[in-house]
C-alpha cells in the first residue's frame, strides 16, 4: 500500500506539472 500511494503521489505531481506547463504555454501563445 505504501508503494502504491507513493506511485500515486508521483503521478499526481507529474499531472500537476503537466497542467502548469500547458497553462503556461497557452498564456505565452495568447501574449
PDB file of N, CA and C in Angstrom:
ATOM      1  N   UNK A   1       0.840  -1.210   0.000  1.00  0.00           N
ATOM      2  CA  UNK A   1       0.000   0.000   0.000  1.00  0.00           C
ATOM      3  C   UNK A   1       0.870   1.253   0.000  1.00  0.00           C
ATOM      4  N   UNK A   2       1.965   1.208   0.759  1.00  0.00           N
ATOM      5  CA  UNK A   2       2.835   2.392   0.821  1.00  0.00           C
ATOM      6  C   UNK A   2       3.418   2.682  -0.564  1.00  0.00           C
ATOM      7  N   UNK A   3       3.867   1.619  -1.252  1.00  0.00           N
ATOM      8  CA  UNK A   3       4.437   1.820  -2.591  1.00  0.00           C
ATOM      9  C   UNK A   3       3.374   2.362  -3.538  1.00  0.00           C
ATOM     10  N   UNK A   4       2.158   1.823  -3.433  1.00  0.00           N
ATOM     11  CA  UNK A   4       1.079   2.263  -4.321  1.00  0.00           C
ATOM     12  C   UNK A   4       0.782   3.740  -4.089  1.00  0.00           C
ATOM     13  N   UNK A   5       0.682   4.150  -2.828  1.00  0.00           N
ATOM     14  CA  UNK A   5       0.375   5.554  -2.530  1.00  0.00           C
ATOM     15  C   UNK A   5       1.525   6.436  -2.992  1.00  0.00           C
ATOM     16  N   UNK A   6       2.750   5.946  -2.872  1.00  0.00           N
ATOM     17  CA  UNK A   6       3.913   6.734  -3.312  1.00  0.00           C
ATOM     18  C   UNK A   6       3.845   6.948  -4.820  1.00  0.00           C
ATOM     19  N   UNK A   7       3.508   5.893  -5.560  1.00  0.00           N
ATOM     20  CA  UNK A   7       3.396   5.997  -7.020  1.00  0.00           C
ATOM     21  C   UNK A   7       2.268   6.952  -7.379  1.00  0.00           C
ATOM     22  N   UNK A   8       1.162   6.867  -6.649  1.00  0.00           N
ATOM     23  CA  UNK A   8       0.023   7.750  -6.923  1.00  0.00           C
ATOM     24  C   UNK A   8       0.443   9.199  -6.748  1.00  0.00           C
ATOM     25  N   UNK A   9       1.216   9.480  -5.708  1.00  0.00           N
ATOM     26  CA  UNK A   9       1.677  10.857  -5.470  1.00  0.00           C
ATOM     27  C   UNK A   9       2.583  11.309  -6.610  1.00  0.00           C
ATOM     28  N   UNK A  10       3.438  10.409  -7.090  1.00  0.00           N
ATOM     29  CA  UNK A  10       4.336  10.772  -8.194  1.00  0.00           C
ATOM     30  C   UNK A  10       3.524  11.106  -9.437  1.00  0.00           C
ATOM     31  N   UNK A  11       2.525  10.271  -9.742  1.00  0.00           N
ATOM     32  CA  UNK A  11       1.684  10.532 -10.919  1.00  0.00           C
ATOM     33  C   UNK A  11       0.927  11.829 -10.725  1.00  0.00           C
ATOM     34  N   UNK A  12       0.439  12.083  -9.513  1.00  0.00           N
ATOM     35  CA  UNK A  12      -0.301  13.317  -9.232  1.00  0.00           C
ATOM     36  C   UNK A  12       0.597  14.524  -9.441  1.00  0.00           C
ATOM     37  N   UNK A  13       1.832  14.444  -8.971  1.00  0.00           N
ATOM     38  CA  UNK A  13       2.766  15.563  -9.134  1.00  0.00           C
ATOM     39  C   UNK A  13       3.072  15.756 -10.615  1.00  0.00           C
ATOM     40  N   UNK A  14       3.251  14.657 -11.334  1.00  0.00           N
ATOM     41  CA  UNK A  14       3.557  14.744 -12.770  1.00  0.00           C
ATOM     42  C   UNK A  14       2.405  15.413 -13.504  1.00  0.00           C
ATOM     43  N   UNK A  15       1.159  15.049 -13.151  1.00  0.00           N
ATOM     44  CA  UNK A  15      -0.009  15.636 -13.811  1.00  0.00           C
ATOM     45  C   UNK A  15      -0.089  17.124 -13.486  1.00  0.00           C
ATOM     46  N   UNK A  16       0.201  17.484 -12.237  1.00  0.00           N
ATOM     47  CA  UNK A  16       0.141  18.897 -11.850  1.00  0.00           C
ATOM     48  C   UNK A  16       1.158  19.692 -12.655  1.00  0.00           C
ATOM     49  N   UNK A  17       2.364  19.153 -12.820  1.00  0.00           N
ATOM     50  CA  UNK A  17       3.407  19.845 -13.590  1.00  0.00           C
ATOM     51  C   UNK A  17       2.977  19.976 -15.044  1.00  0.00           C
ATOM     52  N   UNK A  18       2.406  18.908 -15.594  1.00  0.00           N
ATOM     53  CA  UNK A  18       1.955  18.953 -16.990  1.00  0.00           C
ATOM     54  C   UNK A  18       0.868  20.007 -17.154  1.00  0.00           C
ATOM     55  N   UNK A  19      -0.066  20.072 -16.203  1.00  0.00           N
ATOM     56  CA  UNK A  19      -1.141  21.066 -16.280  1.00  0.00           C
ATOM     57  C   UNK A  19      -0.548  22.467 -16.231  1.00  0.00           C
ATOM     58  N   UNK A  20       0.439  22.682 -15.360  1.00  0.00           N
ATOM     59  CA  UNK A  20       1.056  24.010 -15.251  1.00  0.00           C
ATOM     60  C   UNK A  20       1.756  24.361 -16.557  1.00  0.00           C
ATOM     61  N   UNK A  21       2.453  23.387 -17.144  1.00  0.00           N
ATOM     62  CA  UNK A  21       3.149  23.642 -18.411  1.00  0.00           C
ATOM     63  C   UNK A  21       2.151  24.002 -19.501  1.00  0.00           C
ATOM     64  N   UNK A  22       1.027  23.292 -19.566  1.00  0.00           N
ATOM     65  CA  UNK A  22       0.011  23.587 -20.582  1.00  0.00           C
ATOM     66  C   UNK A  22      -0.530  24.996 -20.371  1.00  0.00           C
ATOM     67  N   UNK A  23      -0.843  25.344 -19.130  1.00  0.00           N
ATOM     68  CA  UNK A  23      -1.380  26.674 -18.841  1.00  0.00           C
ATOM     69  C   UNK A  23      -0.354  27.744 -19.201  1.00  0.00           C
ATOM     70  N   UNK A  24       0.904  27.491 -18.904  1.00  0.00           N
ATOM     71  CA  UNK A  24       1.960  28.465 -19.203  1.00  0.00           C
ATOM     72  C   UNK A  24       2.097  28.648 -20.715  1.00  0.00           C
ATOM     73  N   UNK A  25       2.079  27.544 -21.464  1.00  0.00           N
ATOM     74  CA  UNK A  25       2.205  27.622 -22.924  1.00  0.00           C
ATOM     75  C   UNK A  25       1.016  28.372 -23.512  1.00  0.00           C
ATOM     76  N   UNK A  26      -0.189  28.095 -23.038  1.00  0.00           N
ATOM     77  CA  UNK A  26      -1.383  28.773 -23.556  1.00  0.00           C
ATOM     78  C   UNK A  26      -1.274  30.264 -23.279  1.00  0.00           C
ATOM     79  N   UNK A  27      -0.814  30.618 -22.079  1.00  0.00           N
ATOM     80  CA  UNK A  27      -0.667  32.032 -21.726  1.00  0.00           C
ATOM     81  C   UNK A  27       0.381  32.695 -22.604  1.00  0.00           C
ATOM     82  N   UNK A  28       1.462  31.974 -22.907  1.00  0.00           N
ATOM     83  CA  UNK A  28       2.519  32.540 -23.749  1.00  0.00           C
ATOM     84  C   UNK A  28       1.992  32.784 -25.156  1.00  0.00           C
ATOM     85  N   UNK A  29       1.221  31.835 -25.683  1.00  0.00           N
ATOM     86  CA  UNK A  29       0.686  31.987 -27.042  1.00  0.00           C
ATOM     87  C   UNK A  29      -0.292  33.152 -27.094  1.00  0.00           C
ATOM     88  N   UNK A  30      -1.077  33.330 -26.027  1.00  0.00           N
ATOM     89  CA  UNK A  30      -2.054  34.423 -26.009  1.00  0.00           C
ATOM     90  C   UNK A  30      -1.334  35.763 -26.010  1.00  0.00           C
ATOM     91  N   UNK A  31      -0.178  35.817 -25.376  1.00  0.00           N
ATOM     92  CA  UNK A  31       0.584  37.075 -25.361  1.00  0.00           C
ATOM     93  C   UNK A  31       1.179  37.275 -26.754  1.00  0.00           C
TER      94      UNK A  31
END
